[in-house]
Amino acid sequence: MAGEARTHPPRLIDRFHQWCEAVVARLPFGLASVVAPTFLGFCLINGFTFSVDLAILTGLHSGLGVAVPIAVTVAYACAFTLSYALNRTFNFQSHAPVGPQLAIYVVVVIVNYLAFILGVSTGLAALGVQYQLSRLAAAICEAVYMYSAMRWLVFRR
């Protein structure tokens, strides 16, 4: 009918953010006051993109015989492109201009790549640590750095 407001079902983006807020609100021991819903969203999105990273890394190195530094680089580039798009859209719901935001993200990613991805991954692999485990160790360091940078630099409000 004319004049009636139409209600639309919540978009997937809105449902994702609402779900993160609901989960964080139910955390025990007062953690809800410390853990941001965007941190949970980051963990979910980057857990997924990390699995994409490892799958590409494994396929390139074990499947195709590509050297570890090259395989790590290609896998990393694919995963972080996906991470940027998913975090911008679903987690931080940014509507800021992409250009300046992407420039900051590229600098953050370059620092992360040099310090954690190549530095830790390649260094541990050179010491004899299995390459996927060395990548996992690098990912732990990377997660803390990347969430902080994304929240307070790239997607700041």
C-alpha atoms as a PDB file:
ATOM      1  CA  MET A   1       0.000   0.000   0.000  1.00  0.00           C
ATOM      2  CA  ALA A   2       1.043   3.555  -0.577  1.00  0.00           C
ATOM      3  CA  GLY A   3       2.700   5.235   2.375  1.00  0.00           C
ATOM      4  CA  GLU A   4       3.680   1.993   4.110  1.00  0.00           C
ATOM      5  CA  ALA A   5       7.312   1.638   4.963  1.00  0.00           C
ATOM      6  CA  ARG A   6       8.800  -1.490   3.452  1.00  0.00           C
ATOM      7  CA  THR A   7      11.109  -3.427   5.660  1.00  0.00           C
ATOM      8  CA  HIS A   8      13.967  -5.249   4.052  1.00  0.00           C
ATOM      9  CA  PRO A   9      15.632  -8.285   5.541  1.00  0.00           C
ATOM     10  CA  PRO A  10      19.001  -7.441   7.110  1.00  0.00           C
ATOM     11  CA  ARG A  11      21.865  -7.600   4.682  1.00  0.00           C
ATOM     12  CA  LEU A  12      24.530 -10.252   5.173  1.00  0.00           C
ATOM     13  CA  ILE A  13      26.945  -7.473   6.162  1.00  0.00           C
ATOM     14  CA  ASP A  14      24.600  -6.270   8.916  1.00  0.00           C
ATOM     15  CA  ARG A  15      23.938  -9.813  10.135  1.00  0.00           C
ATOM     16  CA  PHE A  16      27.671 -10.512  10.369  1.00  0.00           C
ATOM     17  CA  HIS A  17      28.270  -7.410  12.485  1.00  0.00           C
ATOM     18  CA  GLN A  18      25.199  -8.054  14.671  1.00  0.00           C
ATOM     19  CA  TRP A  19      26.329 -11.637  15.237  1.00  0.00           C
ATOM     20  CA  CYS A  20      29.815 -10.445  16.298  1.00  0.00           C
ATOM     21  CA  GLU A  21      28.235  -7.956  18.716  1.00  0.00           C
ATOM     22  CA  ALA A  22      25.935 -10.647  20.160  1.00  0.00           C
ATOM     23  CA  VAL A  23      28.785 -13.119  20.687  1.00  0.00           C
ATOM     24  CA  VAL A  24      31.035 -10.516  22.314  1.00  0.00           C
ATOM     25  CA  ALA A  25      28.163  -9.396  24.586  1.00  0.00           C
ATOM     26  CA  ARG A  26      27.969 -12.957  25.952  1.00  0.00           C
ATOM     27  CA  LEU A  27      31.654 -13.356  26.770  1.00  0.00           C
ATOM     28  CA  PRO A  28      32.312 -14.377  30.385  1.00  0.00           C
ATOM     29  CA  PHE A  29      34.485 -12.717  33.035  1.00  0.00           C
ATOM     30  CA  GLY A  30      33.815  -9.167  31.862  1.00  0.00           C
ATOM     31  CA  LEU A  31      35.592  -9.780  28.575  1.00  0.00           C
ATOM     32  CA  ALA A  32      32.773  -8.028  26.719  1.00  0.00           C
ATOM     33  CA  SER A  33      34.124  -4.737  28.019  1.00  0.00           C
ATOM     34  CA  VAL A  34      37.599  -5.523  26.636  1.00  0.00           C
ATOM     35  CA  VAL A  35      36.961  -7.399  23.378  1.00  0.00           C
ATOM     36  CA  ALA A  36      35.616  -5.322  20.500  1.00  0.00           C
ATOM     37  CA  PRO A  37      33.141  -6.916  18.068  1.00  0.00           C
ATOM     38  CA  THR A  38      35.536  -5.909  15.299  1.00  0.00           C
ATOM     39  CA  PHE A  39      38.221  -8.066  16.936  1.00  0.00           C
ATOM     40  CA  LEU A  40      35.983 -11.125  16.669  1.00  0.00           C
ATOM     41  CA  GLY A  41      35.132 -10.178  13.087  1.00  0.00           C
ATOM     42  CA  PHE A  42      38.820  -9.752  12.313  1.00  0.00           C
ATOM     43  CA  CYS A  43      39.595 -13.180  13.808  1.00  0.00           C
ATOM     44  CA  LEU A  44      36.877 -14.855  11.751  1.00  0.00           C
ATOM     45  CA  ILE A  45      37.741 -13.122   8.494  1.00  0.00           C
ATOM     46  CA  ASN A  46      41.475 -13.482   8.911  1.00  0.00           C
ATOM     47  CA  GLY A  47      41.134 -17.086  10.044  1.00  0.00           C
ATOM     48  CA  PHE A  48      39.428 -17.740   6.733  1.00  0.00           C
ATOM     49  CA  THR A  49      41.932 -15.739   4.685  1.00  0.00           C
ATOM     50  CA  PHE A  50      44.806 -17.435   6.515  1.00  0.00           C
ATOM     51  CA  SER A  51      43.432 -20.814   5.427  1.00  0.00           C
ATOM     52  CA  VAL A  52      43.368 -19.462   1.855  1.00  0.00           C
ATOM     53  CA  ASP A  53      46.986 -18.329   2.366  1.00  0.00           C
ATOM     54  CA  LEU A  54      48.077 -21.771   3.590  1.00  0.00           C
ATOM     55  CA  ALA A  55      46.223 -23.566   0.792  1.00  0.00           C
ATOM     56  CA  ILE A  56      47.909 -21.429  -1.855  1.00  0.00           C
ATOM     57  CA  LEU A  57      51.290 -21.746  -0.110  1.00  0.00           C
ATOM     58  CA  THR A  58      50.973 -25.530   0.060  1.00  0.00           C
ATOM     59  CA  GLY A  59      49.848 -25.791  -3.549  1.00  0.00           C
ATOM     60  CA  LEU A  60      52.670 -23.620  -4.810  1.00  0.00           C
ATOM     61  CA  HIS A  61      55.478 -25.087  -2.702  1.00  0.00           C
ATOM     62  CA  SER A  62      54.513 -28.743  -2.252  1.00  0.00           C
ATOM     63  CA  GLY A  63      52.489 -29.091  -5.433  1.00  0.00           C
ATOM     64  CA  LEU A  64      54.451 -27.014  -7.918  1.00  0.00           C
ATOM     65  CA  GLY A  65      57.875 -26.843  -6.233  1.00  0.00           C
ATOM     66  CA  VAL A  66      57.972 -23.043  -6.030  1.00  0.00           C
ATOM     67  CA  ALA A  67      60.649 -21.728  -3.628  1.00  0.00           C
ATOM     68  CA  VAL A  68      59.362 -20.841  -0.139  1.00  0.00           C
ATOM     69  CA  PRO A  69      59.958 -17.044  -0.356  1.00  0.00           C
ATOM     70  CA  ILE A  70      58.104 -16.821  -3.691  1.00  0.00           C
ATOM     71  CA  ALA A  71      55.299 -19.151  -2.594  1.00  0.00           C
ATOM     72  CA  VAL A  72      54.887 -17.208   0.667  1.00  0.00           C
ATOM     73  CA  THR A  73      54.784 -13.920  -1.253  1.00  0.00           C
ATOM     74  CA  VAL A  74      52.146 -15.022  -3.765  1.00  0.00           C
ATOM     75  CA  ALA A  75      49.979 -16.668  -1.100  1.00  0.00           C
ATOM     76  CA  TYR A  76      50.297 -13.607   1.122  1.00  0.00           C
ATOM     77  CA  ALA A  77      49.318 -11.189  -1.654  1.00  0.00           C
ATOM     78  CA  CYS A  78      46.203 -13.201  -2.478  1.00  0.00           C
ATOM     79  CA  ALA A  79      45.146 -13.578   1.164  1.00  0.00           C
ATOM     80  CA  PHE A  80      45.674  -9.944   2.084  1.00  0.00           C
ATOM     81  CA  THR A  81      43.781  -8.662  -0.915  1.00  0.00           C
ATOM     82  CA  LEU A  82      40.867 -10.820   0.185  1.00  0.00           C
ATOM     83  CA  SER A  83      41.326  -9.739   3.820  1.00  0.00           C
ATOM     84  CA  TYR A  84      41.194  -6.048   2.913  1.00  0.00           C
ATOM     85  CA  ALA A  85      37.993  -6.458   0.910  1.00  0.00           C
ATOM     86  CA  LEU A  86      36.227  -8.585   3.542  1.00  0.00           C
ATOM     87  CA  ASN A  87      37.334  -6.458   6.521  1.00  0.00           C
ATOM     88  CA  ARG A  88      36.439  -3.201   4.772  1.00  0.00           C
ATOM     89  CA  THR A  89      33.002  -4.492   3.820  1.00  0.00           C
ATOM     90  CA  PHE A  90      31.908  -6.841   6.595  1.00  0.00           C
ATOM     91  CA  ASN A  91      33.900  -6.019   9.694  1.00  0.00           C
ATOM     92  CA  PHE A  92      34.690  -2.319   9.737  1.00  0.00           C
ATOM     93  CA  GLN A  93      31.888  -1.379   7.303  1.00  0.00           C
ATOM     94  CA  SER A  94      33.989   1.456   5.942  1.00  0.00           C
ATOM     95  CA  HIS A  95      32.560   3.962   3.506  1.00  0.00           C
ATOM     96  CA  ALA A  96      35.697   6.109   3.418  1.00  0.00           C
ATOM     97  CA  PRO A  97      37.322   6.766   0.051  1.00  0.00           C
ATOM     98  CA  VAL A  98      39.247   3.677  -1.018  1.00  0.00           C
ATOM     99  CA  GLY A  99      42.326   5.517  -2.376  1.00  0.00           C
ATOM    100  CA  PRO A 100      43.779   7.008   0.815  1.00  0.00           C
ATOM    101  CA  GLN A 101      42.668   4.012   2.858  1.00  0.00           C
ATOM    102  CA  LEU A 102      44.278   1.586   0.444  1.00  0.00           C
ATOM    103  CA  ALA A 103      47.527   3.601   0.488  1.00  0.00           C
ATOM    104  CA  ILE A 104      47.730   3.272   4.285  1.00  0.00           C
ATOM    105  CA  TYR A 105      46.860  -0.425   4.026  1.00  0.00           C
ATOM    106  CA  VAL A 106      49.648  -1.008   1.503  1.00  0.00           C
ATOM    107  CA  VAL A 107      52.218   0.562   3.864  1.00  0.00           C
ATOM    108  CA  VAL A 108      50.892  -1.542   6.781  1.00  0.00           C
ATOM    109  CA  VAL A 109      51.056  -4.681   4.634  1.00  0.00           C
ATOM    110  CA  ILE A 110      54.599  -3.961   3.445  1.00  0.00           C
ATOM    111  CA  VAL A 111      55.833  -3.547   7.026  1.00  0.00           C
ATOM    112  CA  ASN A 112      53.966  -6.710   8.034  1.00  0.00           C
ATOM    113  CA  TYR A 113      55.331  -8.607   5.046  1.00  0.00           C
ATOM    114  CA  LEU A 114      58.955  -7.690   5.682  1.00  0.00           C
ATOM    115  CA  ALA A 115      58.900  -8.093   9.467  1.00  0.00           C
ATOM    116  CA  PHE A 116      56.658 -11.078  10.018  1.00  0.00           C
ATOM    117  CA  ILE A 117      55.925 -12.919   6.797  1.00  0.00           C
ATOM    118  CA  LEU A 118      59.338 -13.001   5.175  1.00  0.00           C
ATOM    119  CA  GLY A 119      61.360 -12.405   8.318  1.00  0.00           C
ATOM    120  CA  VAL A 120      59.766 -14.944  10.640  1.00  0.00           C
ATOM    121  CA  SER A 121      58.537 -17.462   8.020  1.00  0.00           C
ATOM    122  CA  THR A 122      61.753 -17.639   6.039  1.00  0.00           C
ATOM    123  CA  GLY A 123      63.973 -17.365   9.104  1.00  0.00           C
ATOM    124  CA  LEU A 124      62.298 -20.249  10.898  1.00  0.00           C
ATOM    125  CA  ALA A 125      62.207 -22.354   7.704  1.00  0.00           C
ATOM    126  CA  ALA A 126      65.945 -21.724   7.266  1.00  0.00           C
ATOM    127  CA  LEU A 127      66.455 -22.958  10.844  1.00  0.00           C
ATOM    128  CA  GLY A 128      64.750 -26.216   9.896  1.00  0.00           C
ATOM    129  CA  VAL A 129      61.223 -25.557  11.131  1.00  0.00           C
ATOM    130  CA  GLN A 130      58.644 -27.074   8.782  1.00  0.00           C
ATOM    131  CA  TYR A 131      57.538 -24.271   6.440  1.00  0.00           C
ATOM    132  CA  GLN A 132      53.823 -24.425   7.343  1.00  0.00           C
ATOM    133  CA  LEU A 133      54.642 -24.253  11.070  1.00  0.00           C
ATOM    134  CA  SER A 134      56.961 -21.320  10.461  1.00  0.00           C
ATOM    135  CA  ARG A 135      54.113 -19.603   8.624  1.00  0.00           C
ATOM    136  CA  LEU A 136      51.809 -20.284  11.571  1.00  0.00           C
ATOM    137  CA  ALA A 137      54.297 -18.696  14.005  1.00  0.00           C
ATOM    138  CA  ALA A 138      54.524 -15.658  11.736  1.00  0.00           C
ATOM    139  CA  ALA A 139      50.717 -15.482  11.605  1.00  0.00           C
ATOM    140  CA  ILE A 140      50.446 -15.144  15.367  1.00  0.00           C
ATOM    141  CA  CYS A 141      52.755 -12.111  15.356  1.00  0.00           C
ATOM    142  CA  GLU A 142      51.049 -10.784  12.272  1.00  0.00           C
ATOM    143  CA  ALA A 143      47.535 -11.019  13.751  1.00  0.00           C
ATOM    144  CA  VAL A 144      48.270  -8.684  16.642  1.00  0.00           C
ATOM    145  CA  TYR A 145      49.991  -6.149  14.403  1.00  0.00           C
ATOM    146  CA  MET A 146      47.410  -6.273  11.597  1.00  0.00           C
ATOM    147  CA  TYR A 147      44.330  -5.953  13.808  1.00  0.00           C
ATOM    148  CA  SER A 148      45.828  -2.971  15.584  1.00  0.00           C
ATOM    149  CA  ALA A 149      46.820  -1.325  12.319  1.00  0.00           C
ATOM    150  CA  MET A 150      43.472  -2.001  10.649  1.00  0.00           C
ATOM    151  CA  ARG A 151      41.428  -0.753  13.573  1.00  0.00           C
ATOM    152  CA  TRP A 152      43.423   2.358  14.442  1.00  0.00           C
ATOM    153  CA  LEU A 153      45.065   3.312  11.136  1.00  0.00           C
ATOM    154  CA  VAL A 154      43.421   1.852   8.042  1.00  0.00           C
ATOM    155  CA  PHE A 155      39.742   1.816   9.022  1.00  0.00           C
ATOM    156  CA  ARG A 156      39.789   4.452  11.756  1.00  0.00           C
ATOM    157  CA  ARG A 157      36.556   6.377  12.067  1.00  0.00           C
END
